[in-house]
N, C-alpha and C. Protein backbone atom coordinates (compact mmCIF):
# COMPACT_ATOMS: atom_id res chain seq x y z
N UNK A 1 84.44 45.84 -62.50
CA UNK A 1 84.47 44.76 -61.89
C UNK A 1 85.97 44.68 -61.02
N UNK A 2 85.85 44.53 -59.51
CA UNK A 2 86.88 44.41 -58.99
C UNK A 2 87.51 43.08 -58.83
N UNK A 3 88.89 43.06 -58.80
CA UNK A 3 89.46 41.74 -58.89
C UNK A 3 90.44 41.69 -57.71
N UNK A 4 91.06 40.69 -57.36
CA UNK A 4 92.03 40.53 -56.43
C UNK A 4 93.22 39.75 -56.99
N UNK A 5 94.48 40.12 -56.47
CA UNK A 5 95.81 39.75 -56.97
C UNK A 5 96.09 38.33 -56.06
N UNK A 6 96.51 37.47 -56.97
CA UNK A 6 96.92 36.17 -56.18
C UNK A 6 98.50 35.79 -56.74
N UNK A 7 99.11 34.83 -56.07
CA UNK A 7 100.58 34.56 -56.62
C UNK A 7 100.39 34.42 -58.11
N UNK A 8 101.55 34.67 -58.63
CA UNK A 8 101.82 34.48 -60.26
C UNK A 8 101.12 35.44 -61.02
N UNK A 9 100.92 36.58 -60.34
CA UNK A 9 100.15 37.74 -60.87
C UNK A 9 98.74 37.23 -61.70
N UNK A 10 98.05 36.32 -61.10
CA UNK A 10 96.74 35.76 -61.55
C UNK A 10 95.51 36.48 -60.84
N UNK A 11 94.81 37.12 -61.76
CA UNK A 11 93.65 37.97 -61.24
C UNK A 11 92.46 37.01 -61.38
N UNK A 12 91.72 36.85 -60.19
CA UNK A 12 90.55 36.03 -59.99
C UNK A 12 89.41 37.03 -59.56
N UNK A 13 88.36 36.99 -60.16
CA UNK A 13 87.30 37.81 -59.59
C UNK A 13 86.57 36.98 -58.31
N UNK A 14 85.97 37.58 -57.36
CA UNK A 14 85.65 37.12 -56.34
C UNK A 14 84.39 36.09 -56.44
N UNK A 15 83.61 36.42 -57.52
CA UNK A 15 82.48 35.69 -57.96
C UNK A 15 82.94 34.28 -58.57
N UNK A 16 84.06 34.33 -59.20
CA UNK A 16 84.78 33.26 -59.93
C UNK A 16 85.31 32.26 -58.70
N UNK A 17 85.77 33.02 -57.76
CA UNK A 17 86.29 32.16 -56.39
C UNK A 17 85.13 31.34 -55.98
N UNK A 18 84.13 32.17 -55.66
CA UNK A 18 82.88 31.41 -55.15
C UNK A 18 82.65 30.08 -55.92
N UNK A 19 82.40 30.32 -57.31
CA UNK A 19 82.07 29.03 -58.07
C UNK A 19 83.13 27.98 -58.19
N UNK A 20 84.43 28.48 -58.18
CA UNK A 20 85.65 27.46 -58.02
C UNK A 20 85.54 26.63 -56.73
N UNK A 21 85.21 27.23 -55.60
CA UNK A 21 85.05 26.63 -54.31
C UNK A 21 83.95 25.72 -54.44
N UNK A 22 82.71 26.12 -55.08
CA UNK A 22 81.64 25.20 -54.97
C UNK A 22 81.71 24.17 -56.04
N UNK A 23 82.47 24.27 -57.07
CA UNK A 23 82.82 23.09 -57.97
C UNK A 23 83.58 21.93 -57.30
N UNK A 24 84.62 22.64 -56.54
CA UNK A 24 85.38 21.67 -55.70
C UNK A 24 84.74 20.80 -54.82
N UNK A 25 83.93 21.61 -53.84
CA UNK A 25 83.12 20.88 -53.02
C UNK A 25 82.06 20.08 -53.65
N UNK A 26 81.46 20.37 -54.65
CA UNK A 26 80.67 19.31 -55.41
C UNK A 26 81.52 18.25 -55.74
N UNK A 27 82.52 18.22 -56.24
CA UNK A 27 83.31 17.21 -56.68
C UNK A 27 83.75 16.19 -55.47
N UNK A 28 84.13 16.79 -54.29
CA UNK A 28 84.44 15.97 -53.21
C UNK A 28 83.12 15.35 -52.61
N UNK A 29 82.01 15.97 -52.71
CA UNK A 29 80.74 15.52 -52.14
C UNK A 29 80.35 14.21 -53.09
N UNK A 30 80.71 14.36 -54.45
CA UNK A 30 80.51 13.25 -55.33
C UNK A 30 81.36 12.18 -55.04
N UNK A 31 82.55 12.34 -54.58
CA UNK A 31 83.52 11.22 -54.34
C UNK A 31 83.03 10.69 -53.07
N UNK A 32 82.62 11.39 -52.19
CA UNK A 32 82.23 10.86 -51.01
C UNK A 32 80.97 9.87 -51.09
N UNK A 33 80.04 10.33 -51.97
CA UNK A 33 79.00 9.45 -52.38
C UNK A 33 79.32 8.18 -53.01
N UNK A 34 80.21 8.39 -53.74
CA UNK A 34 80.78 7.07 -54.46
C UNK A 34 81.35 6.04 -53.40
N UNK A 35 82.14 6.54 -52.63
CA UNK A 35 82.74 5.73 -51.53
C UNK A 35 81.58 5.10 -50.67
N UNK A 36 80.53 5.95 -50.24
CA UNK A 36 79.78 5.40 -49.48
C UNK A 36 78.82 4.37 -50.27
N UNK A 37 78.55 4.68 -51.61
CA UNK A 37 77.76 3.71 -52.42
C UNK A 37 78.56 2.37 -52.40
N UNK A 38 79.72 2.36 -52.65
CA UNK A 38 80.51 1.21 -52.52
C UNK A 38 80.38 0.33 -51.31
N UNK A 39 80.53 0.97 -50.27
CA UNK A 39 80.47 0.57 -49.03
C UNK A 39 79.08 -0.13 -48.81
N UNK A 40 78.09 0.71 -49.12
CA UNK A 40 76.65 0.23 -48.83
C UNK A 40 76.32 -0.85 -49.66
N UNK A 41 76.90 -1.09 -50.89
CA UNK A 41 76.72 -2.31 -51.81
C UNK A 41 77.46 -3.50 -51.33
N UNK A 42 78.24 -3.52 -50.36
CA UNK A 42 78.83 -4.62 -49.74
C UNK A 42 80.39 -4.70 -50.25
N UNK A 43 80.87 -3.60 -50.70
CA UNK A 43 82.26 -3.54 -51.05
C UNK A 43 83.28 -3.30 -50.17
N UNK A 44 82.71 -3.39 -48.70
CA UNK A 44 83.75 -3.19 -47.77
C UNK A 44 83.79 -1.65 -47.44
N UNK A 45 83.99 -1.19 -46.13
CA UNK A 45 84.28 -0.15 -45.85
C UNK A 45 85.69 0.53 -46.31
N UNK A 46 85.59 1.64 -47.28
CA UNK A 46 86.92 2.03 -47.70
C UNK A 46 87.67 2.71 -46.53
N UNK A 47 89.04 2.47 -46.54
CA UNK A 47 89.74 3.07 -45.40
C UNK A 47 89.70 4.46 -45.28
N UNK A 48 89.53 5.24 -46.33
CA UNK A 48 89.48 6.68 -45.96
C UNK A 48 88.19 7.18 -46.11
N UNK A 49 87.09 6.50 -45.87
CA UNK A 49 85.57 7.04 -46.09
C UNK A 49 85.60 7.88 -44.86
N UNK A 50 85.92 7.38 -43.67
CA UNK A 50 85.68 8.55 -42.34
C UNK A 50 86.63 9.74 -42.61
N UNK A 51 87.84 9.54 -43.15
CA UNK A 51 88.77 10.58 -43.17
C UNK A 51 88.26 11.51 -44.19
N UNK A 52 87.83 10.93 -45.39
CA UNK A 52 87.28 11.67 -46.45
C UNK A 52 85.97 12.56 -46.04
N UNK A 53 85.18 11.99 -45.24
CA UNK A 53 83.97 12.65 -44.74
C UNK A 53 84.56 13.75 -43.81
N UNK A 54 85.47 13.58 -42.96
CA UNK A 54 85.84 14.58 -42.02
C UNK A 54 86.53 15.65 -42.81
N UNK A 55 87.24 15.37 -43.68
CA UNK A 55 87.91 16.41 -44.49
C UNK A 55 86.88 17.19 -45.37
N UNK A 56 85.93 16.60 -45.92
CA UNK A 56 84.82 17.23 -46.59
C UNK A 56 84.01 18.12 -45.69
N UNK A 57 83.60 17.57 -44.65
CA UNK A 57 82.84 18.26 -43.56
C UNK A 57 83.59 19.56 -43.08
N UNK A 58 84.79 19.40 -42.80
CA UNK A 58 85.67 20.56 -42.44
C UNK A 58 85.81 21.59 -43.40
N UNK A 59 85.95 21.15 -44.72
CA UNK A 59 86.07 22.05 -45.73
C UNK A 59 84.80 22.97 -45.83
N UNK A 60 83.73 22.15 -45.85
CA UNK A 60 82.48 23.00 -46.19
C UNK A 60 82.26 23.85 -44.97
N UNK A 61 82.38 23.43 -43.76
CA UNK A 61 82.18 24.25 -42.68
C UNK A 61 83.07 25.57 -42.53
N UNK A 62 84.44 25.38 -43.01
CA UNK A 62 85.22 26.49 -43.09
C UNK A 62 84.83 27.52 -44.05
N UNK A 63 84.26 26.98 -45.31
CA UNK A 63 83.78 27.97 -46.42
C UNK A 63 82.41 28.60 -45.88
N UNK A 64 81.66 27.81 -45.29
CA UNK A 64 80.37 28.59 -44.68
C UNK A 64 80.68 29.56 -43.63
N UNK A 65 81.69 29.26 -42.75
CA UNK A 65 82.09 30.16 -41.64
C UNK A 65 82.63 31.42 -42.28
N UNK A 66 83.51 31.25 -43.19
CA UNK A 66 84.00 32.47 -43.85
C UNK A 66 82.92 33.18 -44.61
N UNK A 67 82.04 32.79 -44.96
CA UNK A 67 80.95 33.49 -45.63
C UNK A 67 80.14 34.20 -44.48
N UNK A 68 79.63 33.51 -43.47
CA UNK A 68 78.95 34.14 -42.47
C UNK A 68 79.66 35.13 -41.71
N UNK A 69 80.93 34.96 -41.41
CA UNK A 69 81.80 36.03 -40.76
C UNK A 69 82.32 37.00 -41.41
N UNK A 70 82.55 36.84 -42.66
CA UNK A 70 83.49 37.72 -43.45
C UNK A 70 82.89 38.16 -44.67
N UNK A 71 82.23 37.30 -45.54
CA UNK A 71 81.82 37.72 -46.83
C UNK A 71 80.39 38.36 -46.67
N UNK A 72 79.46 37.65 -45.93
CA UNK A 72 78.15 38.07 -45.79
C UNK A 72 77.89 39.55 -45.20
N UNK A 73 78.73 39.83 -44.07
CA UNK A 73 78.67 41.17 -43.53
C UNK A 73 79.04 42.32 -44.44
N UNK A 74 80.12 41.79 -45.27
CA UNK A 74 80.64 42.85 -46.28
C UNK A 74 79.55 43.09 -47.27
N UNK A 75 78.98 41.96 -47.76
CA UNK A 75 78.02 42.13 -48.85
C UNK A 75 76.72 42.92 -48.36
N UNK A 76 76.25 42.61 -47.08
CA UNK A 76 75.22 43.22 -46.50
C UNK A 76 75.27 44.77 -46.32
N UNK A 77 76.60 45.13 -46.08
CA UNK A 77 76.84 46.48 -45.76
C UNK A 77 76.74 47.12 -47.25
N UNK A 78 77.44 46.47 -48.21
CA UNK A 78 77.62 47.15 -49.60
C UNK A 78 76.28 47.06 -50.29
N UNK A 79 75.38 46.06 -49.96
CA UNK A 79 74.22 45.93 -50.82
C UNK A 79 73.22 45.41 -50.01
N UNK A 80 72.44 46.43 -49.19
CA UNK A 80 71.43 46.04 -48.38
C UNK A 80 70.25 45.25 -48.79
N UNK A 81 70.01 45.36 -50.07
CA UNK A 81 69.04 44.75 -50.67
C UNK A 81 69.25 43.15 -50.54
N UNK A 82 70.52 42.81 -50.45
CA UNK A 82 70.68 41.37 -50.27
C UNK A 82 70.66 40.70 -49.00
N UNK A 83 70.33 41.58 -48.02
CA UNK A 83 70.26 41.04 -46.55
C UNK A 83 69.20 39.77 -46.65
N UNK A 84 68.00 39.94 -47.22
CA UNK A 84 67.10 38.58 -47.14
C UNK A 84 67.80 37.48 -47.79
N UNK A 85 68.51 37.60 -48.81
CA UNK A 85 69.06 36.47 -49.40
C UNK A 85 70.28 35.85 -48.64
N UNK A 86 71.08 36.95 -47.92
CA UNK A 86 72.10 36.46 -47.07
C UNK A 86 71.60 35.81 -45.71
N UNK A 87 70.37 36.19 -45.35
CA UNK A 87 69.78 35.46 -44.06
C UNK A 87 69.46 34.14 -44.58
N UNK A 88 68.86 34.09 -45.64
CA UNK A 88 68.33 32.68 -46.14
C UNK A 88 69.56 31.75 -46.31
N UNK A 89 70.50 32.16 -46.81
CA UNK A 89 71.83 31.58 -47.16
C UNK A 89 72.42 31.02 -45.73
N UNK A 90 72.41 31.96 -44.72
CA UNK A 90 72.94 31.67 -43.51
C UNK A 90 72.10 30.57 -42.66
N UNK A 91 70.82 30.71 -42.95
CA UNK A 91 69.90 29.49 -42.36
C UNK A 91 70.29 28.21 -43.01
N UNK A 92 70.37 28.16 -44.32
CA UNK A 92 71.04 26.91 -44.92
C UNK A 92 72.30 26.49 -44.37
N UNK A 93 73.14 27.24 -44.02
CA UNK A 93 74.51 26.85 -43.36
C UNK A 93 74.15 26.08 -42.01
N UNK A 94 73.21 26.66 -41.22
CA UNK A 94 72.78 25.86 -40.11
C UNK A 94 72.42 24.43 -40.39
N UNK A 95 71.49 24.51 -41.40
CA UNK A 95 70.88 23.15 -41.79
C UNK A 95 71.91 22.21 -42.21
N UNK A 96 72.87 22.83 -43.07
CA UNK A 96 73.92 21.88 -43.54
C UNK A 96 74.76 21.33 -42.44
N UNK A 97 75.01 22.19 -41.69
CA UNK A 97 75.90 21.60 -40.35
C UNK A 97 75.16 20.65 -39.52
N UNK A 98 73.99 20.79 -39.48
CA UNK A 98 73.19 19.84 -38.67
C UNK A 98 73.27 18.34 -39.38
N UNK A 99 73.14 18.48 -40.66
CA UNK A 99 73.18 17.28 -41.45
C UNK A 99 74.47 16.52 -41.51
N UNK A 100 75.67 17.60 -41.38
CA UNK A 100 76.95 16.91 -41.41
C UNK A 100 77.33 16.33 -39.97
N UNK A 101 76.74 16.81 -38.88
CA UNK A 101 76.93 16.26 -37.76
C UNK A 101 76.13 14.90 -37.67
N UNK A 102 75.02 14.84 -38.21
CA UNK A 102 74.24 13.58 -38.16
C UNK A 102 75.10 12.58 -39.12
N UNK A 103 75.42 12.94 -40.19
CA UNK A 103 76.17 12.07 -41.07
C UNK A 103 77.43 11.45 -40.41
N UNK A 104 78.11 12.44 -39.94
CA UNK A 104 79.40 11.91 -39.29
C UNK A 104 79.23 10.87 -38.10
N UNK A 105 78.10 11.19 -37.39
CA UNK A 105 77.69 10.15 -36.39
C UNK A 105 77.43 8.93 -36.94
N UNK A 106 76.53 8.86 -37.96
CA UNK A 106 76.10 7.65 -38.51
C UNK A 106 77.30 6.91 -39.13
N UNK A 107 78.30 7.59 -39.80
CA UNK A 107 79.52 7.04 -40.43
C UNK A 107 80.32 6.40 -39.33
N UNK A 108 80.36 7.18 -38.36
CA UNK A 108 81.32 6.56 -37.20
C UNK A 108 80.64 5.42 -36.71
N UNK A 109 79.38 5.10 -36.57
CA UNK A 109 78.79 3.87 -36.16
C UNK A 109 78.76 2.72 -37.03
N UNK A 110 79.26 3.07 -38.26
CA UNK A 110 79.31 1.92 -39.29
C UNK A 110 80.39 0.95 -38.80
N UNK A 111 80.11 -0.41 -39.00
CA UNK A 111 81.16 -1.25 -38.84
C UNK A 111 82.52 -1.11 -39.65
N UNK A 112 83.68 -1.36 -38.94
CA UNK A 112 84.91 -1.06 -39.79
C UNK A 112 85.44 -2.15 -40.37
N UNK A 113 85.16 -3.25 -40.17
CA UNK A 113 85.69 -4.52 -40.53
C UNK A 113 84.97 -4.74 -42.05
N UNK A 114 85.84 -4.95 -43.13
CA UNK A 114 85.26 -5.29 -44.38
C UNK A 114 84.36 -6.53 -44.27
N UNK A 115 83.24 -6.66 -45.03
CA UNK A 115 82.38 -7.70 -45.17
C UNK A 115 81.63 -7.85 -43.89
N UNK A 116 81.66 -6.90 -42.88
CA UNK A 116 80.60 -7.04 -41.83
C UNK A 116 79.30 -6.81 -42.28
N UNK A 117 78.26 -7.75 -41.71
CA UNK A 117 76.87 -7.48 -41.96
C UNK A 117 76.59 -6.08 -41.74
N UNK A 118 75.88 -5.31 -42.41
CA UNK A 118 75.49 -4.00 -42.39
C UNK A 118 73.99 -3.95 -42.12
N UNK A 119 73.54 -3.46 -41.12
CA UNK A 119 72.02 -3.19 -40.87
C UNK A 119 71.56 -2.49 -41.85
N UNK A 120 70.42 -3.05 -42.80
CA UNK A 120 69.83 -2.41 -43.78
C UNK A 120 69.09 -0.94 -43.41
N UNK A 121 68.64 -0.99 -42.04
CA UNK A 121 68.12 0.20 -41.46
C UNK A 121 69.08 1.41 -41.36
N UNK A 122 70.25 0.90 -41.02
CA UNK A 122 71.44 2.03 -40.77
C UNK A 122 71.90 2.31 -42.02
N UNK A 123 71.83 1.56 -43.01
CA UNK A 123 72.35 1.82 -44.47
C UNK A 123 71.32 2.96 -45.04
N UNK A 124 70.11 2.63 -44.73
CA UNK A 124 69.15 3.60 -45.32
C UNK A 124 69.21 5.06 -44.64
N UNK A 125 69.37 4.98 -43.37
CA UNK A 125 69.66 6.24 -42.69
C UNK A 125 70.84 7.00 -43.14
N UNK A 126 72.10 6.34 -43.45
CA UNK A 126 73.22 6.92 -43.93
C UNK A 126 72.85 7.56 -45.30
N UNK A 127 72.36 6.75 -46.15
CA UNK A 127 71.98 7.12 -47.52
C UNK A 127 71.00 8.20 -47.50
N UNK A 128 69.97 8.32 -46.54
CA UNK A 128 69.12 9.33 -46.60
C UNK A 128 69.69 10.64 -46.25
N UNK A 129 70.50 10.60 -45.11
CA UNK A 129 71.39 11.89 -44.69
C UNK A 129 72.05 12.46 -45.71
N UNK A 130 72.95 11.37 -46.51
CA UNK A 130 73.84 11.92 -47.60
C UNK A 130 72.97 12.59 -48.58
N UNK A 131 71.88 11.81 -49.10
CA UNK A 131 71.09 12.29 -50.13
C UNK A 131 70.49 13.86 -49.78
N UNK A 132 70.09 13.89 -48.34
CA UNK A 132 69.60 15.07 -48.03
C UNK A 132 70.56 16.28 -48.18
N UNK A 133 71.86 15.83 -47.72
CA UNK A 133 72.95 16.80 -47.83
C UNK A 133 73.28 17.16 -49.22
N UNK A 134 73.25 16.36 -50.12
CA UNK A 134 73.39 16.48 -51.66
C UNK A 134 72.44 17.38 -52.08
N UNK A 135 71.18 17.13 -51.90
CA UNK A 135 70.13 18.10 -52.31
C UNK A 135 70.18 19.48 -51.75
N UNK A 136 70.57 19.71 -50.41
CA UNK A 136 70.37 21.01 -49.89
C UNK A 136 71.70 21.56 -50.46
N UNK A 137 72.89 21.04 -50.47
CA UNK A 137 74.08 21.78 -50.86
C UNK A 137 73.96 22.32 -52.50
N UNK A 138 73.40 21.37 -53.05
CA UNK A 138 73.19 21.76 -54.58
C UNK A 138 72.31 22.81 -54.57
N UNK A 139 71.12 22.85 -54.12
CA UNK A 139 70.28 23.93 -54.09
C UNK A 139 70.76 25.18 -53.55
N UNK A 140 71.60 25.20 -52.46
CA UNK A 140 72.22 26.20 -51.78
C UNK A 140 73.23 26.94 -52.73
N UNK A 141 74.08 25.91 -53.24
CA UNK A 141 75.14 26.73 -54.12
C UNK A 141 74.48 27.20 -55.35
N UNK A 142 73.63 26.57 -55.97
CA UNK A 142 72.96 27.29 -57.19
C UNK A 142 72.26 28.63 -56.79
N UNK A 143 71.50 28.64 -55.77
CA UNK A 143 70.82 29.88 -55.28
C UNK A 143 72.01 30.95 -54.97
N UNK A 144 73.09 30.74 -54.30
CA UNK A 144 74.13 31.44 -53.88
C UNK A 144 74.76 32.04 -55.03
N UNK A 145 75.06 31.25 -56.00
CA UNK A 145 75.92 31.54 -57.26
C UNK A 145 74.88 32.52 -58.07
N UNK A 146 73.61 32.20 -58.05
CA UNK A 146 72.48 33.11 -58.79
C UNK A 146 72.39 34.29 -58.25
N UNK A 147 72.53 34.52 -57.08
CA UNK A 147 72.10 35.71 -56.32
C UNK A 147 73.34 36.62 -56.02
N UNK A 148 74.58 36.04 -55.91
CA UNK A 148 75.73 36.77 -55.27
C UNK A 148 76.83 37.18 -56.15
N UNK A 149 76.97 36.25 -57.18
CA UNK A 149 78.26 36.39 -58.00
C UNK A 149 78.47 37.76 -58.44
N UNK A 150 77.58 38.37 -59.02
CA UNK A 150 77.69 39.71 -59.73
C UNK A 150 77.88 40.72 -58.47
N UNK A 151 77.41 40.54 -57.45
CA UNK A 151 77.59 41.50 -56.34
C UNK A 151 79.25 41.24 -55.80
N UNK A 152 79.68 40.02 -55.72
CA UNK A 152 80.93 39.72 -55.43
C UNK A 152 82.00 40.36 -56.41
N UNK A 153 81.59 40.19 -57.47
CA UNK A 153 82.48 40.69 -58.76
C UNK A 153 82.66 42.32 -58.56
N UNK A 154 81.65 42.78 -58.11
CA UNK A 154 81.60 44.31 -58.05
C UNK A 154 82.37 44.84 -56.64
N UNK A 155 82.34 43.84 -55.77
CA UNK A 155 83.05 44.28 -54.49
C UNK A 155 84.58 44.68 -54.65
N UNK A 156 85.03 45.63 -53.92
CA UNK A 156 86.33 46.11 -53.89
C UNK A 156 86.98 45.69 -52.65
N UNK A 157 86.25 45.18 -51.76
CA UNK A 157 87.04 44.83 -50.32
C UNK A 157 87.56 43.38 -50.37
N UNK A 158 88.77 43.23 -50.05
CA UNK A 158 89.33 41.84 -49.92
C UNK A 158 88.43 40.93 -49.23
N UNK A 159 88.39 39.65 -49.63
CA UNK A 159 87.71 38.76 -48.95
C UNK A 159 88.60 37.86 -47.99
N UNK A 160 87.90 37.22 -46.91
CA UNK A 160 88.70 36.46 -45.94
C UNK A 160 89.55 35.40 -46.63
N UNK A 161 90.66 35.20 -46.04
CA UNK A 161 91.49 34.03 -46.57
C UNK A 161 90.90 32.70 -46.91
N UNK A 162 90.04 32.40 -46.01
CA UNK A 162 89.24 31.13 -45.86
C UNK A 162 88.28 31.01 -47.14
N UNK A 163 88.02 32.00 -47.66
CA UNK A 163 87.06 31.96 -48.78
C UNK A 163 87.49 31.43 -50.04
N UNK A 164 88.97 31.51 -50.10
CA UNK A 164 89.70 31.07 -51.41
C UNK A 164 89.89 29.61 -51.49
N UNK A 165 89.62 29.19 -52.66
CA UNK A 165 89.84 27.56 -52.91
C UNK A 165 91.19 27.21 -52.48
N UNK A 166 92.26 27.78 -52.72
CA UNK A 166 93.61 27.44 -52.19
C UNK A 166 93.61 27.22 -50.63
N UNK A 167 92.75 27.88 -49.91
CA UNK A 167 92.73 27.62 -48.39
C UNK A 167 92.12 26.35 -48.05
N UNK A 168 91.10 25.97 -48.88
CA UNK A 168 90.38 24.77 -48.61
C UNK A 168 91.14 23.47 -49.08
N UNK A 169 91.85 23.66 -50.31
CA UNK A 169 92.41 22.30 -50.87
C UNK A 169 94.14 22.39 -50.79
N UNK A 170 94.52 23.52 -50.53
CA UNK A 170 95.98 23.62 -50.52
C UNK A 170 96.51 23.99 -51.82
N UNK A 171 95.68 24.12 -52.81
CA UNK A 171 96.02 24.47 -54.07
C UNK A 171 96.18 25.89 -54.26
């Protein structure tokens, strides 16, 4: 099993890095959902809802871009049998990006003043997009982890910096 060196002489397998990134992204998505639930239930728009959504969307996009441009080509070269899996995951990335754009547009259109009357139709659209994102991301992460962790752990090639959790979170 190949590993990579990180600061403080900590060794982390690539597959574990993938799971760590996915766990952090899942936590951030859950926080975003909580903030949105609070707003949609009349709690007023949290000041950081838009910023949190932008940060989450950006982190998820960077992670998927690192996979599409760096990790997936390396895996496809080393494990040709994974190509259909990698193609499916790349298609998921496109769908996730489309939802992120629609969700951001909907959030941008929400009233910014606390206690402003929220159109129930808009609330349902926002909730629907976020629910769709949660379902797709969870399915995507689970499938990716199931199919790729062992291959990543065997890989001896350094992965792109953007793949690491520390590059998404500053940790």
